Amino acid sequence: MTGFRALLAAMLLLAAMAPVQAQGGKATLVIHVQNVSPKGGILRLGLYAEANYDKDGDTVADADVTAQSPQTTITLIDIAPGTYAIQAFQDFNANGKMDSSWIGLPQ
């Protein structure tokens, strides 16, 4: 799966986020990213509040975990109720950024 397809798949995972346990008004979210490439690297994920997503705002939570094929599970804790967007990509070379082609498309 290409990085771009992995990014799209991860963005569609918003529906797959499931609150597991709520304490004090906050919840634990378990996110299952499917079709992770066996190339390895790091799966980088950011959780954004709806109000901040379009404005390049700060993440509510983020995680960098070792990519495990075919599925990687990420757990985020102490998340307040709300509407969120997920941005994720598989960083094959672990350089901390989404690599792109010379015309700017994700690789």
C-alpha atoms as a PDB file:
ATOM      1  CA  MET A   1       0.000   0.000   0.000  1.00  0.00           C
ATOM      2  CA  THR A   2       1.427   3.360  -0.919  1.00  0.00           C
ATOM      3  CA  GLY A   3       1.926   6.052   1.700  1.00  0.00           C
ATOM      4  CA  PHE A   4      -0.876   8.098   0.151  1.00  0.00           C
ATOM      5  CA  ARG A   5      -3.328   5.182   0.297  1.00  0.00           C
ATOM      6  CA  ALA A   6      -2.258   4.483   3.882  1.00  0.00           C
ATOM      7  CA  LEU A   7      -2.910   8.129   4.741  1.00  0.00           C
ATOM      8  CA  LEU A   8      -6.373   7.987   3.207  1.00  0.00           C
ATOM      9  CA  ALA A   9      -7.151   4.736   4.996  1.00  0.00           C
ATOM     10  CA  ALA A  10      -6.038   6.214   8.299  1.00  0.00           C
ATOM     11  CA  MET A  11      -8.113   9.345   7.770  1.00  0.00           C
ATOM     12  CA  LEU A  12     -11.143   7.132   7.192  1.00  0.00           C
ATOM     13  CA  LEU A  13     -10.545   5.457  10.537  1.00  0.00           C
ATOM     14  CA  LEU A  14     -12.388   8.242  12.333  1.00  0.00           C
ATOM     15  CA  ALA A  15     -15.421   5.980  12.257  1.00  0.00           C
ATOM     16  CA  ALA A  16     -13.340   3.155  13.723  1.00  0.00           C
ATOM     17  CA  MET A  17     -12.312   5.066  16.842  1.00  0.00           C
ATOM     18  CA  ALA A  18     -14.112   3.605  19.803  1.00  0.00           C
ATOM     19  CA  PRO A  19     -14.267   4.904  23.358  1.00  0.00           C
ATOM     20  CA  VAL A  20     -13.228   2.024  25.583  1.00  0.00           C
ATOM     21  CA  GLN A  21     -13.487   3.436  29.058  1.00  0.00           C
ATOM     22  CA  ALA A  22     -14.591   6.826  30.368  1.00  0.00           C
ATOM     23  CA  GLN A  23     -13.291   8.320  33.607  1.00  0.00           C
ATOM     24  CA  GLY A  24     -13.948  11.853  34.765  1.00  0.00           C
ATOM     25  CA  GLY A  25     -15.487  12.809  31.420  1.00  0.00           C
ATOM     26  CA  LYS A  26     -12.520  11.543  29.395  1.00  0.00           C
ATOM     27  CA  ALA A  27     -12.101   8.364  27.399  1.00  0.00           C
ATOM     28  CA  THR A  28      -9.527   5.987  26.018  1.00  0.00           C
ATOM     29  CA  LEU A  29      -9.577   5.610  22.227  1.00  0.00           C
ATOM     30  CA  VAL A  30      -8.316   2.490  20.512  1.00  0.00           C
ATOM     31  CA  ILE A  31      -7.494   2.999  16.834  1.00  0.00           C
ATOM     32  CA  HIS A  32      -6.870   0.044  14.522  1.00  0.00           C
ATOM     33  CA  VAL A  33      -4.929   0.951  11.364  1.00  0.00           C
ATOM     34  CA  GLN A  34      -5.352  -1.786   8.782  1.00  0.00           C
ATOM     35  CA  ASN A  35      -3.366  -2.592   5.644  1.00  0.00           C
ATOM     36  CA  VAL A  36      -0.077  -1.464   7.196  1.00  0.00           C
ATOM     37  CA  SER A  37       2.787  -2.125   4.799  1.00  0.00           C
ATOM     38  CA  PRO A  38       5.315  -4.809   5.751  1.00  0.00           C
ATOM     39  CA  LYS A  39       8.075  -2.275   4.877  1.00  0.00           C
ATOM     40  CA  GLY A  40       8.086  -1.329   8.571  1.00  0.00           C
ATOM     41  CA  GLY A  41       9.081   2.068   9.886  1.00  0.00           C
ATOM     42  CA  ILE A  42       7.011   4.229  12.201  1.00  0.00           C
ATOM     43  CA  LEU A  43       3.254   4.811  12.096  1.00  0.00           C
ATOM     44  CA  ARG A  44       2.743   8.484  12.991  1.00  0.00           C
ATOM     45  CA  LEU A  45      -0.720   9.586  14.080  1.00  0.00           C
ATOM     46  CA  GLY A  46      -2.186  12.912  15.171  1.00  0.00           C
ATOM     47  CA  LEU A  47      -5.644  13.468  16.661  1.00  0.00           C
ATOM     48  CA  TYR A  48      -7.062  16.942  15.966  1.00  0.00           C
ATOM     49  CA  ALA A  49     -10.096  18.684  17.440  1.00  0.00           C
ATOM     50  CA  GLU A  50     -12.602  19.695  14.769  1.00  0.00           C
ATOM     51  CA  ALA A  51     -12.044  23.405  15.493  1.00  0.00           C
ATOM     52  CA  ASN A  52      -8.267  23.178  14.936  1.00  0.00           C
ATOM     53  CA  TYR A  53      -7.936  20.755  12.043  1.00  0.00           C
ATOM     54  CA  ASP A  54      -8.405  23.216   9.165  1.00  0.00           C
ATOM     55  CA  LYS A  55      -6.140  25.773  10.810  1.00  0.00           C
ATOM     56  CA  ASP A  56      -3.049  23.588  11.203  1.00  0.00           C
ATOM     57  CA  GLY A  57      -3.684  23.625  14.933  1.00  0.00           C
ATOM     58  CA  ASP A  58      -2.002  21.587  17.602  1.00  0.00           C
ATOM     59  CA  THR A  59      -2.906  17.960  18.118  1.00  0.00           C
ATOM     60  CA  VAL A  60      -5.063  16.882  21.029  1.00  0.00           C
ATOM     61  CA  ALA A  61      -2.961  13.717  21.147  1.00  0.00           C
ATOM     62  CA  ASP A  62      -0.350  12.076  18.995  1.00  0.00           C
ATOM     63  CA  ALA A  63       1.539   8.823  18.801  1.00  0.00           C
ATOM     64  CA  ASP A  64       4.549   7.382  17.017  1.00  0.00           C
ATOM     65  CA  VAL A  65       4.535   3.579  17.138  1.00  0.00           C
ATOM     66  CA  THR A  66       6.407   0.835  15.338  1.00  0.00           C
ATOM     67  CA  ALA A  67       4.444  -0.107  12.216  1.00  0.00           C
ATOM     68  CA  GLN A  68       3.310  -3.725  12.367  1.00  0.00           C
ATOM     69  CA  SER A  69       1.827  -5.398   9.308  1.00  0.00           C
ATOM     70  CA  PRO A  70      -0.987  -6.039   8.561  1.00  0.00           C
ATOM     71  CA  GLN A  71      -2.529  -4.033  11.425  1.00  0.00           C
ATOM     72  CA  THR A  72      -1.193  -1.614  14.023  1.00  0.00           C
ATOM     73  CA  THR A  73      -3.202  -0.669  17.099  1.00  0.00           C
ATOM     74  CA  ILE A  74      -2.753   2.705  18.776  1.00  0.00           C
ATOM     75  CA  THR A  75      -4.257   3.612  22.139  1.00  0.00           C
ATOM     76  CA  LEU A  76      -4.787   7.243  23.149  1.00  0.00           C
ATOM     77  CA  ILE A  77      -5.810   8.028  26.739  1.00  0.00           C
ATOM     78  CA  ASP A  78      -7.577  10.926  28.474  1.00  0.00           C
ATOM     79  CA  ILE A  79      -9.426  12.175  25.394  1.00  0.00           C
ATOM     80  CA  ALA A  80     -12.333  14.557  26.063  1.00  0.00           C
ATOM     81  CA  PRO A  81     -15.644  13.934  24.264  1.00  0.00           C
ATOM     82  CA  GLY A  82     -15.818  15.737  20.926  1.00  0.00           C
ATOM     83  CA  THR A  83     -15.489  15.531  17.165  1.00  0.00           C
ATOM     84  CA  TYR A  84     -12.010  14.734  15.907  1.00  0.00           C
ATOM     85  CA  ALA A  85     -10.024  14.119  12.742  1.00  0.00           C
ATOM     86  CA  ILE A  86      -7.109  11.719  12.430  1.00  0.00           C
ATOM     87  CA  GLN A  87      -4.054  12.344  10.316  1.00  0.00           C
ATOM     88  CA  ALA A  88      -1.646   9.437   9.958  1.00  0.00           C
ATOM     89  CA  PHE A  89       1.077   8.096   7.739  1.00  0.00           C
ATOM     90  CA  GLN A  90       3.586   5.270   7.684  1.00  0.00           C
ATOM     91  CA  ASP A  91       7.084   6.745   7.855  1.00  0.00           C
ATOM     92  CA  PHE A  92       9.086   3.998   6.132  1.00  0.00           C
ATOM     93  CA  ASN A  93      12.484   5.633   6.605  1.00  0.00           C
ATOM     94  CA  ALA A  94      11.717   7.092  10.083  1.00  0.00           C
ATOM     95  CA  ASN A  95      12.809  10.592   9.070  1.00  0.00           C
ATOM     96  CA  GLY A  96       9.894  12.266  10.863  1.00  0.00           C
ATOM     97  CA  LYS A  97       8.135  13.601   7.789  1.00  0.00           C
ATOM     98  CA  MET A  98       5.855  12.517   4.975  1.00  0.00           C
ATOM     99  CA  ASP A  99       8.112  12.216   1.947  1.00  0.00           C
ATOM    100  CA  SER A 100       6.749  13.553  -1.318  1.00  0.00           C
ATOM    101  CA  SER A 101       7.587  13.350  -4.991  1.00  0.00           C
ATOM    102  CA  TRP A 102       9.077  16.243  -6.922  1.00  0.00           C
ATOM    103  CA  ILE A 103       5.531  17.448  -7.704  1.00  0.00           C
ATOM    104  CA  GLY A 104       4.440  17.292  -4.078  1.00  0.00           C
ATOM    105  CA  LEU A 105       2.423  14.065  -4.014  1.00  0.00           C
ATOM    106  CA  PRO A 106       2.898  11.797  -0.995  1.00  0.00           C
ATOM    107  CA  GLN A 107       5.114   8.802  -1.761  1.00  0.00           C
END
